N, C-alpha and C. Protein backbone atom coordinates (compact mmCIF):
# COMPACT_ATOMS: atom_id res chain seq x y z
N MET A 1 10.66 -80.35 -25.62
CA MET A 1 11.38 -79.09 -25.45
C MET A 1 11.66 -78.88 -23.97
N ARG A 2 12.92 -78.62 -23.63
CA ARG A 2 13.31 -78.38 -22.25
C ARG A 2 13.19 -76.91 -21.90
N LEU A 3 12.83 -76.67 -20.69
CA LEU A 3 12.72 -75.30 -20.19
C LEU A 3 14.11 -74.79 -19.84
N ASN A 4 14.50 -73.68 -20.44
CA ASN A 4 15.79 -73.07 -20.16
C ASN A 4 15.56 -71.92 -19.17
N LEU A 5 15.89 -72.15 -17.92
CA LEU A 5 15.65 -71.18 -16.86
C LEU A 5 16.41 -69.88 -17.09
N TYR A 6 17.63 -69.97 -17.62
CA TYR A 6 18.42 -68.76 -17.84
C TYR A 6 17.81 -67.87 -18.93
N SER A 7 17.21 -68.45 -19.94
CA SER A 7 16.59 -67.62 -20.97
C SER A 7 15.38 -66.88 -20.41
N ILE A 8 14.73 -67.44 -19.41
CA ILE A 8 13.61 -66.74 -18.77
C ILE A 8 14.15 -65.64 -17.84
N ILE A 9 15.16 -65.97 -17.05
CA ILE A 9 15.72 -65.00 -16.10
C ILE A 9 16.34 -63.80 -16.83
N PHE A 10 16.97 -64.04 -17.97
CA PHE A 10 17.62 -62.97 -18.71
C PHE A 10 16.71 -62.29 -19.73
N ASN A 11 15.44 -62.61 -19.73
CA ASN A 11 14.48 -61.98 -20.65
C ASN A 11 14.14 -60.59 -20.12
N PRO A 12 14.33 -59.52 -20.91
CA PRO A 12 14.08 -58.16 -20.43
C PRO A 12 12.63 -57.92 -19.98
N PHE A 13 11.68 -58.51 -20.68
CA PHE A 13 10.29 -58.31 -20.31
C PHE A 13 9.96 -58.99 -18.98
N PHE A 14 10.55 -60.16 -18.76
CA PHE A 14 10.39 -60.83 -17.47
C PHE A 14 10.99 -59.98 -16.36
N LEU A 15 12.17 -59.41 -16.60
CA LEU A 15 12.81 -58.56 -15.60
C LEU A 15 11.97 -57.34 -15.27
N ILE A 16 11.37 -56.72 -16.30
CA ILE A 16 10.51 -55.56 -16.06
C ILE A 16 9.29 -55.97 -15.25
N PHE A 17 8.66 -57.07 -15.63
CA PHE A 17 7.48 -57.54 -14.93
C PHE A 17 7.78 -57.82 -13.46
N ILE A 18 8.83 -58.57 -13.20
CA ILE A 18 9.20 -58.92 -11.83
C ILE A 18 9.55 -57.67 -11.04
N THR A 19 10.28 -56.75 -11.65
CA THR A 19 10.66 -55.52 -10.95
C THR A 19 9.45 -54.69 -10.57
N VAL A 20 8.54 -54.50 -11.51
CA VAL A 20 7.34 -53.71 -11.22
C VAL A 20 6.48 -54.41 -10.18
N PHE A 21 6.27 -55.71 -10.35
CA PHE A 21 5.44 -56.47 -9.41
C PHE A 21 6.00 -56.41 -7.99
N LEU A 22 7.28 -56.78 -7.85
CA LEU A 22 7.90 -56.76 -6.52
C LEU A 22 8.05 -55.35 -5.97
N GLY A 23 8.31 -54.39 -6.87
CA GLY A 23 8.47 -53.00 -6.43
C GLY A 23 7.18 -52.40 -5.91
N VAL A 24 6.08 -52.64 -6.59
CA VAL A 24 4.78 -52.15 -6.10
C VAL A 24 4.42 -52.85 -4.80
N TRP A 25 4.69 -54.13 -4.73
CA TRP A 25 4.43 -54.88 -3.49
C TRP A 25 5.26 -54.31 -2.33
N ALA A 26 6.55 -54.07 -2.57
CA ALA A 26 7.42 -53.52 -1.53
C ALA A 26 7.02 -52.08 -1.20
N GLY A 27 6.55 -51.34 -2.19
CA GLY A 27 6.13 -49.96 -1.95
C GLY A 27 4.89 -49.86 -1.09
N ASN A 28 4.09 -50.91 -1.05
CA ASN A 28 2.87 -50.91 -0.24
C ASN A 28 3.10 -51.38 1.19
N TRP A 29 4.32 -51.74 1.55
CA TRP A 29 4.58 -52.13 2.92
C TRP A 29 4.24 -50.95 3.83
N LYS A 30 3.70 -51.27 4.97
CA LYS A 30 3.26 -50.20 5.88
C LYS A 30 4.43 -49.34 6.34
N LYS A 31 5.42 -49.96 6.92
CA LYS A 31 6.58 -49.18 7.37
C LYS A 31 7.82 -50.05 7.42
N LEU A 32 8.92 -49.46 7.14
CA LEU A 32 10.24 -50.06 7.33
C LEU A 32 10.97 -49.15 8.30
N GLY A 33 10.81 -49.38 9.56
CA GLY A 33 11.35 -48.47 10.55
C GLY A 33 10.52 -47.20 10.55
N LYS A 34 11.16 -46.08 10.21
CA LYS A 34 10.44 -44.80 10.12
C LYS A 34 10.17 -44.41 8.67
N MET A 35 10.40 -45.32 7.76
CA MET A 35 10.29 -45.00 6.33
C MET A 35 9.24 -45.89 5.67
N LYS A 36 8.47 -45.31 4.75
CA LYS A 36 7.55 -46.08 3.91
C LYS A 36 8.06 -45.97 2.48
N PRO A 37 8.34 -47.10 1.81
CA PRO A 37 8.95 -47.05 0.48
C PRO A 37 8.11 -46.31 -0.57
N GLY A 38 6.81 -46.54 -0.60
CA GLY A 38 5.93 -45.86 -1.56
C GLY A 38 6.35 -46.11 -3.00
N VAL A 39 6.44 -45.02 -3.78
CA VAL A 39 6.78 -45.16 -5.20
C VAL A 39 8.27 -45.46 -5.40
N GLY A 40 9.06 -45.36 -4.35
CA GLY A 40 10.48 -45.72 -4.46
C GLY A 40 10.71 -47.22 -4.44
N GLY A 41 9.68 -47.99 -4.10
CA GLY A 41 9.81 -49.45 -4.05
C GLY A 41 10.32 -50.05 -5.35
N PRO A 42 9.70 -49.73 -6.49
CA PRO A 42 10.21 -50.28 -7.76
C PRO A 42 11.64 -49.84 -8.07
N LEU A 43 12.01 -48.65 -7.65
CA LEU A 43 13.38 -48.18 -7.90
C LEU A 43 14.38 -49.03 -7.13
N PHE A 44 14.13 -49.24 -5.84
CA PHE A 44 15.05 -50.04 -5.04
C PHE A 44 15.06 -51.50 -5.48
N ILE A 45 13.90 -52.05 -5.77
CA ILE A 45 13.84 -53.43 -6.24
C ILE A 45 14.55 -53.56 -7.59
N GLY A 46 14.40 -52.57 -8.46
CA GLY A 46 15.08 -52.58 -9.75
C GLY A 46 16.59 -52.57 -9.60
N LEU A 47 17.10 -51.79 -8.65
CA LEU A 47 18.54 -51.78 -8.41
C LEU A 47 19.03 -53.14 -7.92
N ILE A 48 18.27 -53.74 -7.04
CA ILE A 48 18.65 -55.05 -6.50
C ILE A 48 18.61 -56.12 -7.60
N ILE A 49 17.51 -56.14 -8.36
CA ILE A 49 17.38 -57.14 -9.42
C ILE A 49 18.45 -56.95 -10.49
N GLY A 50 18.72 -55.71 -10.86
CA GLY A 50 19.76 -55.43 -11.84
C GLY A 50 21.12 -55.92 -11.39
N TRP A 51 21.44 -55.69 -10.12
CA TRP A 51 22.72 -56.15 -9.59
C TRP A 51 22.79 -57.67 -9.57
N VAL A 52 21.71 -58.33 -9.13
CA VAL A 52 21.70 -59.79 -9.04
C VAL A 52 21.83 -60.42 -10.43
N VAL A 53 21.04 -59.93 -11.38
CA VAL A 53 21.04 -60.52 -12.73
C VAL A 53 22.38 -60.27 -13.42
N TYR A 54 22.94 -59.08 -13.27
CA TYR A 54 24.23 -58.80 -13.90
C TYR A 54 25.32 -59.67 -13.28
N SER A 55 25.30 -59.81 -11.95
CA SER A 55 26.29 -60.67 -11.28
C SER A 55 26.16 -62.12 -11.73
N LEU A 56 24.92 -62.57 -11.88
CA LEU A 56 24.67 -63.94 -12.34
C LEU A 56 25.18 -64.12 -13.77
N ALA A 57 24.89 -63.17 -14.63
CA ALA A 57 25.33 -63.26 -16.03
C ALA A 57 26.83 -63.15 -16.16
N ASP A 58 27.43 -62.33 -15.32
CA ASP A 58 28.88 -62.13 -15.39
C ASP A 58 29.65 -63.37 -14.92
N GLY A 59 29.01 -64.20 -14.11
CA GLY A 59 29.67 -65.38 -13.59
C GLY A 59 29.57 -66.61 -14.48
N ILE A 60 28.88 -66.52 -15.60
CA ILE A 60 28.71 -67.67 -16.50
C ILE A 60 29.87 -67.72 -17.48
N SER A 61 30.52 -68.87 -17.56
CA SER A 61 31.68 -69.01 -18.44
C SER A 61 31.25 -69.36 -19.86
N GLU A 62 32.18 -69.25 -20.78
CA GLU A 62 31.88 -69.39 -22.21
C GLU A 62 31.38 -70.77 -22.60
N GLY A 63 31.78 -71.81 -21.94
CA GLY A 63 31.36 -73.15 -22.32
C GLY A 63 29.97 -73.53 -21.82
N ASP A 64 29.42 -72.75 -20.92
CA ASP A 64 28.11 -73.07 -20.33
C ASP A 64 26.99 -72.88 -21.34
N LYS A 65 25.90 -73.67 -21.19
CA LYS A 65 24.79 -73.56 -22.14
C LYS A 65 23.99 -72.27 -21.97
N ALA A 66 24.16 -71.58 -20.86
CA ALA A 66 23.46 -70.30 -20.64
C ALA A 66 24.31 -69.11 -21.09
N TYR A 67 25.45 -69.38 -21.71
CA TYR A 67 26.37 -68.31 -22.08
C TYR A 67 25.74 -67.32 -23.06
N ASN A 68 25.02 -67.81 -24.06
CA ASN A 68 24.43 -66.91 -25.06
C ASN A 68 23.43 -65.95 -24.43
N ALA A 69 22.58 -66.45 -23.54
CA ALA A 69 21.60 -65.59 -22.88
C ALA A 69 22.30 -64.58 -21.98
N ALA A 70 23.35 -65.01 -21.28
CA ALA A 70 24.10 -64.10 -20.41
C ALA A 70 24.84 -63.05 -21.22
N GLU A 71 25.42 -63.45 -22.32
CA GLU A 71 26.14 -62.49 -23.17
C GLU A 71 25.17 -61.47 -23.77
N ALA A 72 23.98 -61.91 -24.12
CA ALA A 72 22.99 -60.99 -24.68
C ALA A 72 22.57 -59.94 -23.65
N ILE A 73 22.38 -60.36 -22.41
CA ILE A 73 21.93 -59.42 -21.39
C ILE A 73 23.05 -58.44 -21.02
N ILE A 74 24.31 -58.89 -21.08
CA ILE A 74 25.42 -57.99 -20.75
C ILE A 74 25.70 -57.04 -21.91
N SER A 75 25.71 -57.53 -23.13
CA SER A 75 26.07 -56.68 -24.27
C SER A 75 24.95 -55.73 -24.68
N LYS A 76 23.70 -56.12 -24.51
CA LYS A 76 22.59 -55.28 -24.93
C LYS A 76 21.95 -54.52 -23.77
N ASN A 77 22.55 -54.53 -22.61
CA ASN A 77 21.99 -53.95 -21.39
C ASN A 77 20.87 -54.83 -20.88
N MET A 78 20.36 -54.52 -19.74
CA MET A 78 19.32 -55.33 -19.12
C MET A 78 18.01 -55.21 -19.90
N VAL A 79 17.68 -53.99 -20.27
CA VAL A 79 16.40 -53.71 -20.90
C VAL A 79 16.68 -52.92 -22.18
N PRO A 80 15.93 -53.18 -23.25
CA PRO A 80 16.15 -52.40 -24.48
C PRO A 80 16.03 -50.89 -24.22
N PHE A 81 16.79 -50.11 -24.97
CA PHE A 81 16.87 -48.66 -24.75
C PHE A 81 15.51 -47.98 -24.82
N GLU A 82 14.67 -48.38 -25.76
CA GLU A 82 13.36 -47.75 -25.92
C GLU A 82 12.49 -47.95 -24.68
N ILE A 83 12.50 -49.18 -24.16
CA ILE A 83 11.70 -49.46 -22.96
C ILE A 83 12.28 -48.73 -21.76
N GLN A 84 13.60 -48.71 -21.67
CA GLN A 84 14.25 -48.02 -20.56
C GLN A 84 13.91 -46.53 -20.58
N SER A 85 13.95 -45.91 -21.75
CA SER A 85 13.63 -44.49 -21.87
C SER A 85 12.18 -44.21 -21.50
N PHE A 86 11.27 -45.07 -21.97
CA PHE A 86 9.85 -44.89 -21.67
C PHE A 86 9.60 -45.02 -20.17
N MET A 87 10.18 -46.04 -19.54
CA MET A 87 10.00 -46.24 -18.10
C MET A 87 10.62 -45.09 -17.31
N LEU A 88 11.75 -44.58 -17.76
CA LEU A 88 12.38 -43.45 -17.09
C LEU A 88 11.49 -42.21 -17.18
N MET A 89 10.89 -41.98 -18.34
CA MET A 89 9.97 -40.84 -18.49
C MET A 89 8.78 -40.97 -17.55
N LEU A 90 8.21 -42.17 -17.44
CA LEU A 90 7.09 -42.38 -16.52
C LEU A 90 7.51 -42.15 -15.07
N PHE A 91 8.68 -42.63 -14.70
CA PHE A 91 9.17 -42.46 -13.34
C PHE A 91 9.38 -40.99 -13.01
N VAL A 92 10.05 -40.25 -13.91
CA VAL A 92 10.31 -38.84 -13.67
C VAL A 92 9.01 -38.05 -13.61
N ALA A 93 8.06 -38.38 -14.48
CA ALA A 93 6.77 -37.69 -14.44
C ALA A 93 6.04 -37.97 -13.13
N ALA A 94 6.06 -39.20 -12.67
CA ALA A 94 5.40 -39.54 -11.41
C ALA A 94 6.04 -38.81 -10.23
N ILE A 95 7.36 -38.79 -10.17
CA ILE A 95 8.04 -38.09 -9.09
C ILE A 95 7.79 -36.59 -9.19
N GLY A 96 7.79 -36.07 -10.40
CA GLY A 96 7.50 -34.64 -10.58
C GLY A 96 6.11 -34.27 -10.13
N LEU A 97 5.13 -35.11 -10.42
CA LEU A 97 3.77 -34.83 -9.98
C LEU A 97 3.65 -34.90 -8.46
N LEU A 98 4.37 -35.82 -7.85
CA LEU A 98 4.33 -35.93 -6.38
C LEU A 98 5.01 -34.73 -5.71
N ALA A 99 6.11 -34.26 -6.29
CA ALA A 99 6.88 -33.19 -5.67
C ALA A 99 6.37 -31.80 -6.03
N SER A 100 5.57 -31.69 -7.07
CA SER A 100 5.16 -30.36 -7.56
C SER A 100 4.32 -29.60 -6.55
N LYS A 101 3.55 -30.29 -5.73
CA LYS A 101 2.70 -29.57 -4.78
C LYS A 101 3.52 -28.87 -3.69
N ASP A 102 4.71 -29.38 -3.39
CA ASP A 102 5.55 -28.79 -2.35
C ASP A 102 6.63 -27.87 -2.91
N LEU A 103 6.87 -27.92 -4.20
CA LEU A 103 7.98 -27.19 -4.79
C LEU A 103 7.84 -25.68 -4.62
N GLY A 104 6.65 -25.15 -4.87
CA GLY A 104 6.43 -23.71 -4.74
C GLY A 104 6.66 -23.22 -3.33
N ILE A 105 6.22 -23.98 -2.35
CA ILE A 105 6.39 -23.61 -0.94
C ILE A 105 7.87 -23.59 -0.58
N VAL A 106 8.62 -24.60 -1.02
CA VAL A 106 10.04 -24.70 -0.70
C VAL A 106 10.82 -23.57 -1.36
N ILE A 107 10.51 -23.27 -2.61
CA ILE A 107 11.23 -22.19 -3.30
C ILE A 107 10.92 -20.84 -2.67
N LYS A 108 9.66 -20.62 -2.26
CA LYS A 108 9.32 -19.36 -1.59
C LYS A 108 10.05 -19.23 -0.25
N LYS A 109 10.17 -20.34 0.45
CA LYS A 109 10.78 -20.31 1.78
C LYS A 109 12.30 -20.22 1.71
N TYR A 110 12.93 -21.03 0.84
CA TYR A 110 14.39 -21.10 0.82
C TYR A 110 15.02 -20.44 -0.41
N GLY A 111 14.25 -20.27 -1.47
CA GLY A 111 14.70 -19.55 -2.65
C GLY A 111 15.96 -20.09 -3.30
N PHE A 112 16.94 -19.20 -3.49
CA PHE A 112 18.17 -19.51 -4.21
C PHE A 112 18.97 -20.60 -3.53
N ARG A 113 18.96 -20.68 -2.20
CA ARG A 113 19.70 -21.71 -1.46
C ARG A 113 19.24 -23.11 -1.85
N PHE A 114 17.95 -23.27 -2.07
CA PHE A 114 17.39 -24.57 -2.45
C PHE A 114 17.93 -25.02 -3.80
N ILE A 115 17.99 -24.12 -4.75
CA ILE A 115 18.48 -24.45 -6.09
C ILE A 115 19.98 -24.76 -6.06
N VAL A 116 20.75 -23.95 -5.35
CA VAL A 116 22.19 -24.18 -5.24
C VAL A 116 22.46 -25.51 -4.53
N LEU A 117 21.72 -25.80 -3.48
CA LEU A 117 21.90 -27.05 -2.76
C LEU A 117 21.62 -28.25 -3.66
N GLY A 118 20.60 -28.17 -4.50
CA GLY A 118 20.29 -29.26 -5.44
C GLY A 118 21.43 -29.49 -6.42
N ILE A 119 22.02 -28.43 -6.91
CA ILE A 119 23.13 -28.55 -7.86
C ILE A 119 24.37 -29.11 -7.15
N VAL A 120 24.66 -28.63 -5.95
CA VAL A 120 25.84 -29.09 -5.21
C VAL A 120 25.72 -30.57 -4.87
N ILE A 121 24.55 -31.01 -4.42
CA ILE A 121 24.36 -32.41 -4.06
C ILE A 121 24.53 -33.30 -5.29
N THR A 122 23.95 -32.90 -6.40
CA THR A 122 24.04 -33.70 -7.62
C THR A 122 25.48 -33.79 -8.12
N LEU A 123 26.18 -32.68 -8.15
CA LEU A 123 27.57 -32.68 -8.63
C LEU A 123 28.50 -33.44 -7.69
N SER A 124 28.30 -33.30 -6.38
CA SER A 124 29.17 -34.03 -5.45
C SER A 124 28.93 -35.53 -5.55
N GLY A 125 27.70 -35.95 -5.74
CA GLY A 125 27.41 -37.37 -5.94
C GLY A 125 28.05 -37.90 -7.20
N ALA A 126 27.99 -37.11 -8.28
CA ALA A 126 28.60 -37.53 -9.54
C ALA A 126 30.12 -37.62 -9.41
N LEU A 127 30.72 -36.65 -8.75
CA LEU A 127 32.19 -36.66 -8.59
C LEU A 127 32.64 -37.82 -7.70
N MET A 128 31.91 -38.09 -6.63
CA MET A 128 32.29 -39.21 -5.77
C MET A 128 32.12 -40.54 -6.49
N SER A 129 31.06 -40.69 -7.28
CA SER A 129 30.87 -41.92 -8.05
C SER A 129 32.00 -42.09 -9.06
N PHE A 130 32.36 -41.01 -9.73
CA PHE A 130 33.46 -41.06 -10.70
C PHE A 130 34.77 -41.43 -10.01
N GLY A 131 34.99 -40.88 -8.81
CA GLY A 131 36.19 -41.20 -8.06
C GLY A 131 36.25 -42.66 -7.65
N ILE A 132 35.11 -43.22 -7.25
CA ILE A 132 35.06 -44.63 -6.87
C ILE A 132 35.39 -45.51 -8.07
N VAL A 133 34.86 -45.15 -9.24
CA VAL A 133 35.14 -45.92 -10.44
C VAL A 133 36.62 -45.84 -10.80
N LEU A 134 37.23 -44.69 -10.63
CA LEU A 134 38.66 -44.56 -10.92
C LEU A 134 39.51 -45.37 -9.95
N LEU A 135 39.10 -45.45 -8.70
CA LEU A 135 39.86 -46.20 -7.70
C LEU A 135 39.70 -47.71 -7.84
N ASN A 136 38.57 -48.16 -8.37
CA ASN A 136 38.30 -49.60 -8.49
C ASN A 136 38.44 -50.01 -9.96
N SER A 137 39.49 -50.71 -10.28
CA SER A 137 39.73 -51.08 -11.68
C SER A 137 38.76 -52.17 -12.16
N LYS A 138 38.12 -52.90 -11.25
CA LYS A 138 37.20 -53.96 -11.65
C LYS A 138 35.77 -53.47 -11.86
N SER A 139 35.50 -52.22 -11.61
CA SER A 139 34.13 -51.73 -11.71
C SER A 139 33.68 -51.64 -13.16
N ASN A 140 32.37 -51.73 -13.36
CA ASN A 140 31.80 -51.59 -14.70
C ASN A 140 30.77 -50.48 -14.69
N ILE A 141 30.22 -50.17 -15.83
CA ILE A 141 29.31 -49.04 -15.96
C ILE A 141 28.01 -49.23 -15.18
N TYR A 142 27.56 -50.47 -15.03
CA TYR A 142 26.32 -50.73 -14.30
C TYR A 142 26.52 -50.51 -12.80
N GLU A 143 27.66 -50.94 -12.30
CA GLU A 143 27.96 -50.69 -10.89
C GLU A 143 28.11 -49.20 -10.63
N ALA A 144 28.76 -48.50 -11.53
CA ALA A 144 28.96 -47.06 -11.36
C ALA A 144 27.63 -46.31 -11.38
N SER A 145 26.75 -46.67 -12.30
CA SER A 145 25.45 -45.99 -12.33
C SER A 145 24.61 -46.35 -11.12
N GLY A 146 24.76 -47.56 -10.60
CA GLY A 146 24.06 -47.92 -9.38
C GLY A 146 24.54 -47.15 -8.18
N VAL A 147 25.86 -46.94 -8.09
CA VAL A 147 26.42 -46.15 -7.00
C VAL A 147 25.95 -44.70 -7.13
N TYR A 148 25.95 -44.17 -8.32
CA TYR A 148 25.50 -42.79 -8.52
C TYR A 148 24.02 -42.63 -8.19
N THR A 149 23.23 -43.62 -8.57
CA THR A 149 21.80 -43.55 -8.27
C THR A 149 21.57 -43.56 -6.79
C-alpha cells in the first residue's frame, strides 16, 4: 500500500490537529515585536493553513490522482460543519471568558459609545469585505470570510 500524501493533507482531522498544535505553539511565543499572540495563535495559524490547503486543492487538475481528495475538501469545506461549530463555540467561550473581566469596567467608563463603536466596526468590516468580493470576480467564499475575519 502506497502512502498518499494528499489524502493526509486534506484530512479534516489532520488539519485540526496541525492547526491546534501549531497555533498553541505560536501562541506561546514570548513576543512578536510588541505583541504576544496568546490565544489568537490558533486563529492566525488556522487562517494561514486554510488558505494554503485551499490554494493547494484548487490548483489540482481533474486528471491528477489527488483530484478526489482535493474535490472533497473544496466541496465539503475544510472541516465538517459539526466540528467547525463545536470549535467555534469553544473559541467564543474562551474569548468571552478572557474579556468578561474588563467588560464591566469598559461599559461603565464609555457606556453607549462602546456599544455603538462595536456595531460600527463590525458593519464597516462586513461592508468592505462585501465590496472587495464584488470588485474581484475570482474571489470565493473562503477568501471572503478570511478577509472579513
